[in-house]
Amino acid sequence: MLRSTRFNRRNRPRQLLRQIFVLLACLTSTAYFVYHARYGRHGLDVRKELIERSALLDFEIKGLESVRSKLKHDVALLSPEVPNTDLVEEIARDVLGYVRKDDKIITAQ
């Protein structure tokens, strides 16, 4: 019995040192993973930025879809089967600069 207590007393500083080392290793690895979960390449900050970017892109997509539907409607009106004369005249005036003989032109200086 005397030997076992002596043996424990000798190893006690080693056991304490080992416990401290294991504790520091666990704390270091936990800090490492927490840091990378927050600021890493796939972390929470990057996720937040991606969500904001996604919202902006959704808004842009909605705007582009409305422009696309308008253009699709305009193309349908210009179909060769039944052209819409008002639309053809409007495009000729806006894009090509055509005017009718009875139009009055006022220039701004």
N, C-alpha and C. Protein backbone atom coordinates (compact mmCIF):
# COMPACT_ATOMS: atom_id res chain seq x y z
N MET A 1 0.82 -1.19 0.00
CA MET A 1 0.00 0.00 0.00
C MET A 1 0.86 1.25 0.00
N LEU A 2 1.95 1.17 0.68
CA LEU A 2 2.86 2.29 0.75
C LEU A 2 3.45 2.61 -0.61
N ARG A 3 3.72 1.53 -1.36
CA ARG A 3 4.27 1.75 -2.69
C ARG A 3 3.29 2.44 -3.63
N SER A 4 2.06 2.10 -3.59
CA SER A 4 1.09 2.69 -4.51
C SER A 4 0.90 4.18 -4.26
N THR A 5 0.95 4.61 -3.00
CA THR A 5 0.83 6.03 -2.74
C THR A 5 2.07 6.78 -3.21
N ARG A 6 3.27 6.17 -3.04
CA ARG A 6 4.47 6.78 -3.55
C ARG A 6 4.42 6.90 -5.06
N PHE A 7 3.97 5.85 -5.69
CA PHE A 7 3.88 5.83 -7.15
C PHE A 7 2.93 6.91 -7.66
N ASN A 8 1.81 7.11 -6.97
CA ASN A 8 0.84 8.13 -7.35
C ASN A 8 1.40 9.53 -7.13
N ARG A 9 2.18 9.69 -6.09
CA ARG A 9 2.73 11.02 -5.82
C ARG A 9 3.77 11.39 -6.87
N ARG A 10 4.53 10.44 -7.32
CA ARG A 10 5.53 10.73 -8.33
C ARG A 10 4.88 11.07 -9.68
N ASN A 11 3.86 10.37 -10.03
CA ASN A 11 3.21 10.55 -11.33
C ASN A 11 2.19 11.68 -11.33
N ARG A 12 1.90 12.19 -10.20
CA ARG A 12 0.88 13.24 -10.12
C ARG A 12 1.24 14.48 -10.96
N PRO A 13 2.44 15.00 -10.90
CA PRO A 13 2.77 16.14 -11.76
C PRO A 13 2.67 15.79 -13.24
N ARG A 14 3.05 14.57 -13.61
CA ARG A 14 2.93 14.16 -15.00
C ARG A 14 1.46 14.08 -15.43
N GLN A 15 0.63 13.52 -14.58
CA GLN A 15 -0.80 13.42 -14.90
C GLN A 15 -1.42 14.81 -15.02
N LEU A 16 -1.04 15.69 -14.12
CA LEU A 16 -1.57 17.05 -14.17
C LEU A 16 -1.09 17.75 -15.45
N LEU A 17 0.17 17.56 -15.79
CA LEU A 17 0.71 18.15 -17.02
C LEU A 17 0.01 17.57 -18.25
N ARG A 18 -0.25 16.28 -18.23
CA ARG A 18 -0.95 15.64 -19.34
C ARG A 18 -2.39 16.16 -19.44
N GLN A 19 -3.05 16.33 -18.35
CA GLN A 19 -4.42 16.86 -18.36
C GLN A 19 -4.44 18.28 -18.89
N ILE A 20 -3.48 19.09 -18.47
CA ILE A 20 -3.40 20.47 -18.96
C ILE A 20 -3.13 20.48 -20.46
N PHE A 21 -2.24 19.59 -20.91
CA PHE A 21 -1.95 19.51 -22.34
C PHE A 21 -3.18 19.10 -23.15
N VAL A 22 -3.91 18.12 -22.68
CA VAL A 22 -5.12 17.68 -23.38
C VAL A 22 -6.16 18.80 -23.38
N LEU A 23 -6.31 19.50 -22.27
CA LEU A 23 -7.26 20.60 -22.19
C LEU A 23 -6.89 21.71 -23.17
N LEU A 24 -5.61 22.07 -23.24
CA LEU A 24 -5.18 23.10 -24.18
C LEU A 24 -5.36 22.66 -25.62
N ALA A 25 -5.10 21.39 -25.91
CA ALA A 25 -5.31 20.88 -27.26
C ALA A 25 -6.80 20.95 -27.64
N CYS A 26 -7.66 20.60 -26.72
CA CYS A 26 -9.11 20.67 -26.99
C CYS A 26 -9.56 22.11 -27.19
N LEU A 27 -9.09 23.01 -26.35
CA LEU A 27 -9.46 24.42 -26.48
C LEU A 27 -8.94 25.01 -27.79
N THR A 28 -7.71 24.64 -28.16
CA THR A 28 -7.13 25.15 -29.41
C THR A 28 -7.91 24.64 -30.62
N SER A 29 -8.24 23.36 -30.63
CA SER A 29 -8.99 22.82 -31.76
C SER A 29 -10.40 23.41 -31.80
N THR A 30 -11.01 23.62 -30.66
CA THR A 30 -12.34 24.25 -30.63
C THR A 30 -12.27 25.67 -31.16
N ALA A 31 -11.26 26.43 -30.74
CA ALA A 31 -11.11 27.80 -31.24
C ALA A 31 -10.88 27.81 -32.74
N TYR A 32 -10.09 26.87 -33.24
CA TYR A 32 -9.82 26.78 -34.67
C TYR A 32 -11.12 26.55 -35.45
N PHE A 33 -11.91 25.58 -35.03
CA PHE A 33 -13.15 25.27 -35.74
C PHE A 33 -14.19 26.38 -35.62
N VAL A 34 -14.25 27.02 -34.47
CA VAL A 34 -15.19 28.14 -34.30
C VAL A 34 -14.80 29.30 -35.20
N TYR A 35 -13.51 29.60 -35.27
CA TYR A 35 -13.05 30.68 -36.14
C TYR A 35 -13.41 30.40 -37.59
N HIS A 36 -13.14 29.20 -38.05
CA HIS A 36 -13.42 28.88 -39.45
C HIS A 36 -14.91 28.72 -39.73
N ALA A 37 -15.68 28.38 -38.73
CA ALA A 37 -17.14 28.33 -38.92
C ALA A 37 -17.70 29.74 -39.08
N ARG A 38 -17.04 30.70 -38.48
CA ARG A 38 -17.50 32.08 -38.57
C ARG A 38 -16.91 32.82 -39.78
N TYR A 39 -15.61 32.76 -39.94
CA TYR A 39 -14.93 33.58 -40.95
C TYR A 39 -14.32 32.78 -42.10
N GLY A 40 -14.48 31.50 -42.11
CA GLY A 40 -13.85 30.66 -43.13
C GLY A 40 -14.49 30.81 -44.50
N ARG A 41 -13.99 30.01 -45.43
CA ARG A 41 -14.45 30.08 -46.82
C ARG A 41 -15.92 29.75 -46.96
N HIS A 42 -16.43 28.89 -46.11
CA HIS A 42 -17.84 28.51 -46.14
C HIS A 42 -18.51 28.91 -44.81
N GLY A 43 -18.04 29.96 -44.20
CA GLY A 43 -18.51 30.35 -42.88
C GLY A 43 -19.79 31.17 -42.91
N LEU A 44 -20.18 31.62 -41.74
CA LEU A 44 -21.43 32.35 -41.58
C LEU A 44 -21.41 33.71 -42.27
N ASP A 45 -20.26 34.39 -42.25
CA ASP A 45 -20.18 35.70 -42.91
C ASP A 45 -20.33 35.56 -44.42
N VAL A 46 -19.72 34.55 -44.99
CA VAL A 46 -19.84 34.33 -46.43
C VAL A 46 -21.27 33.95 -46.79
N ARG A 47 -21.91 33.17 -45.93
CA ARG A 47 -23.31 32.79 -46.16
C ARG A 47 -24.21 34.02 -46.17
N LYS A 48 -23.96 34.94 -45.26
CA LYS A 48 -24.75 36.17 -45.20
C LYS A 48 -24.57 36.98 -46.48
N GLU A 49 -23.34 37.10 -46.96
CA GLU A 49 -23.07 37.83 -48.20
C GLU A 49 -23.75 37.15 -49.39
N LEU A 50 -23.74 35.83 -49.41
CA LEU A 50 -24.38 35.11 -50.51
C LEU A 50 -25.90 35.30 -50.50
N ILE A 51 -26.49 35.36 -49.33
CA ILE A 51 -27.93 35.58 -49.24
C ILE A 51 -28.28 36.98 -49.74
N GLU A 52 -27.48 37.98 -49.37
CA GLU A 52 -27.71 39.34 -49.85
C GLU A 52 -27.55 39.42 -51.37
N ARG A 53 -26.52 38.77 -51.88
CA ARG A 53 -26.30 38.77 -53.33
C ARG A 53 -27.44 38.06 -54.06
N SER A 54 -27.93 36.99 -53.46
CA SER A 54 -29.05 36.25 -54.05
C SER A 54 -30.29 37.12 -54.13
N ALA A 55 -30.54 37.91 -53.10
CA ALA A 55 -31.70 38.81 -53.11
C ALA A 55 -31.56 39.84 -54.22
N LEU A 56 -30.36 40.40 -54.39
CA LEU A 56 -30.13 41.38 -55.47
C LEU A 56 -30.31 40.74 -56.84
N LEU A 57 -29.82 39.53 -57.00
CA LEU A 57 -29.94 38.85 -58.28
C LEU A 57 -31.40 38.48 -58.57
N ASP A 58 -32.16 38.12 -57.54
CA ASP A 58 -33.58 37.84 -57.74
C ASP A 58 -34.31 39.08 -58.23
N PHE A 59 -33.96 40.23 -57.65
CA PHE A 59 -34.58 41.49 -58.09
C PHE A 59 -34.22 41.78 -59.55
N GLU A 60 -32.96 41.55 -59.89
CA GLU A 60 -32.51 41.78 -61.27
C GLU A 60 -33.19 40.82 -62.23
N ILE A 61 -33.37 39.58 -61.82
CA ILE A 61 -34.05 38.59 -62.67
C ILE A 61 -35.48 38.99 -62.92
N LYS A 62 -36.18 39.48 -61.90
CA LYS A 62 -37.56 39.91 -62.10
C LYS A 62 -37.65 41.06 -63.10
N GLY A 63 -36.70 42.00 -63.01
CA GLY A 63 -36.68 43.10 -63.96
C GLY A 63 -36.41 42.63 -65.37
N LEU A 64 -35.48 41.70 -65.51
CA LEU A 64 -35.16 41.17 -66.84
C LEU A 64 -36.32 40.35 -67.40
N GLU A 65 -37.04 39.65 -66.54
CA GLU A 65 -38.20 38.89 -67.01
C GLU A 65 -39.30 39.81 -67.53
N SER A 66 -39.48 40.96 -66.88
CA SER A 66 -40.49 41.90 -67.36
C SER A 66 -40.08 42.49 -68.71
N VAL A 67 -38.79 42.80 -68.86
CA VAL A 67 -38.30 43.31 -70.15
C VAL A 67 -38.46 42.23 -71.22
N ARG A 68 -38.17 41.00 -70.87
CA ARG A 68 -38.29 39.88 -71.82
C ARG A 68 -39.74 39.71 -72.26
N SER A 69 -40.67 39.78 -71.32
CA SER A 69 -42.08 39.62 -71.70
C SER A 69 -42.54 40.76 -72.60
N LYS A 70 -42.04 41.98 -72.34
CA LYS A 70 -42.39 43.11 -73.21
C LYS A 70 -41.83 42.91 -74.61
N LEU A 71 -40.59 42.48 -74.70
CA LEU A 71 -39.98 42.23 -76.00
C LEU A 71 -40.69 41.08 -76.73
N LYS A 72 -41.07 40.07 -75.98
CA LYS A 72 -41.79 38.95 -76.58
C LYS A 72 -43.12 39.42 -77.15
N HIS A 73 -43.79 40.30 -76.42
CA HIS A 73 -45.06 40.86 -76.89
C HIS A 73 -44.84 41.69 -78.16
N ASP A 74 -43.78 42.51 -78.15
CA ASP A 74 -43.48 43.33 -79.32
C ASP A 74 -43.14 42.46 -80.54
N VAL A 75 -42.41 41.39 -80.34
CA VAL A 75 -42.08 40.49 -81.44
C VAL A 75 -43.34 39.81 -81.97
N ALA A 76 -44.25 39.46 -81.07
CA ALA A 76 -45.50 38.84 -81.51
C ALA A 76 -46.32 39.83 -82.34
N LEU A 77 -46.27 41.10 -81.99
CA LEU A 77 -47.01 42.10 -82.77
C LEU A 77 -46.39 42.33 -84.14
N LEU A 78 -45.10 42.06 -84.28
CA LEU A 78 -44.42 42.25 -85.55
C LEU A 78 -44.42 40.98 -86.41
N SER A 79 -45.19 40.01 -86.05
CA SER A 79 -45.20 38.76 -86.82
C SER A 79 -45.64 39.03 -88.25
N PRO A 80 -45.10 38.29 -89.21
CA PRO A 80 -45.40 38.55 -90.62
C PRO A 80 -46.85 38.24 -91.00
N GLU A 81 -47.53 37.44 -90.23
CA GLU A 81 -48.92 37.10 -90.56
C GLU A 81 -49.83 38.33 -90.45
N VAL A 82 -49.79 38.97 -89.29
CA VAL A 82 -50.66 40.13 -89.06
C VAL A 82 -49.84 41.22 -88.38
N PRO A 83 -49.15 42.08 -89.14
CA PRO A 83 -48.37 43.14 -88.50
C PRO A 83 -49.27 44.23 -87.94
N ASN A 84 -48.91 44.77 -86.82
CA ASN A 84 -49.65 45.86 -86.19
C ASN A 84 -49.08 47.16 -86.75
N THR A 85 -49.89 47.87 -87.50
CA THR A 85 -49.41 49.07 -88.19
C THR A 85 -48.99 50.17 -87.21
N ASP A 86 -49.70 50.31 -86.10
CA ASP A 86 -49.32 51.32 -85.11
C ASP A 86 -47.93 51.04 -84.54
N LEU A 87 -47.65 49.80 -84.23
CA LEU A 87 -46.35 49.44 -83.67
C LEU A 87 -45.25 49.63 -84.71
N VAL A 88 -45.51 49.26 -85.94
CA VAL A 88 -44.52 49.45 -87.00
C VAL A 88 -44.21 50.93 -87.17
N GLU A 89 -45.24 51.77 -87.15
CA GLU A 89 -45.03 53.21 -87.29
C GLU A 89 -44.26 53.77 -86.09
N GLU A 90 -44.59 53.30 -84.88
CA GLU A 90 -43.89 53.78 -83.68
C GLU A 90 -42.41 53.42 -83.73
N ILE A 91 -42.10 52.20 -84.13
CA ILE A 91 -40.70 51.78 -84.22
C ILE A 91 -39.98 52.57 -85.31
N ALA A 92 -40.65 52.81 -86.42
CA ALA A 92 -40.03 53.58 -87.51
C ALA A 92 -39.73 55.01 -87.06
N ARG A 93 -40.60 55.58 -86.26
CA ARG A 93 -40.37 56.94 -85.77
C ARG A 93 -39.24 56.97 -84.73
N ASP A 94 -39.27 56.04 -83.75
CA ASP A 94 -38.29 56.06 -82.67
C ASP A 94 -36.90 55.64 -83.13
N VAL A 95 -36.83 54.52 -83.80
CA VAL A 95 -35.53 53.95 -84.13
C VAL A 95 -34.95 54.57 -85.39
N LEU A 96 -35.75 54.68 -86.43
CA LEU A 96 -35.24 55.13 -87.71
C LEU A 96 -35.36 56.63 -87.94
N GLY A 97 -36.17 57.30 -87.13
CA GLY A 97 -36.30 58.75 -87.24
C GLY A 97 -37.24 59.20 -88.36
N TYR A 98 -38.13 58.34 -88.80
CA TYR A 98 -39.08 58.72 -89.85
C TYR A 98 -40.18 59.63 -89.31
N VAL A 99 -40.68 60.51 -90.17
CA VAL A 99 -41.82 61.37 -89.83
C VAL A 99 -42.78 61.37 -91.02
N ARG A 100 -44.02 61.72 -90.72
CA ARG A 100 -45.00 61.84 -91.81
C ARG A 100 -44.94 63.24 -92.39
N LYS A 101 -45.55 63.38 -93.54
CA LYS A 101 -45.51 64.67 -94.23
C LYS A 101 -46.25 65.76 -93.46
N ASP A 102 -47.31 65.38 -92.76
CA ASP A 102 -48.11 66.38 -92.06
C ASP A 102 -47.63 66.64 -90.63
N ASP A 103 -46.54 66.04 -90.18
CA ASP A 103 -46.00 66.28 -88.82
C ASP A 103 -45.25 67.59 -88.79
N LYS A 104 -45.38 68.30 -87.67
CA LYS A 104 -44.63 69.53 -87.44
C LYS A 104 -43.43 69.20 -86.55
N ILE A 105 -42.26 69.60 -86.96
CA ILE A 105 -41.04 69.29 -86.23
C ILE A 105 -40.56 70.55 -85.54
N ILE A 106 -40.35 70.43 -84.23
CA ILE A 106 -39.85 71.54 -83.40
C ILE A 106 -38.51 71.10 -82.86
N THR A 107 -37.50 71.86 -83.08
CA THR A 107 -36.17 71.54 -82.59
C THR A 107 -35.86 72.40 -81.37
N ALA A 108 -35.22 71.79 -80.41
CA ALA A 108 -34.82 72.51 -79.20
C ALA A 108 -33.38 72.95 -79.35
N GLN A 109 -33.12 74.20 -78.95
CA GLN A 109 -31.75 74.71 -79.09
C GLN A 109 -31.04 74.73 -77.78
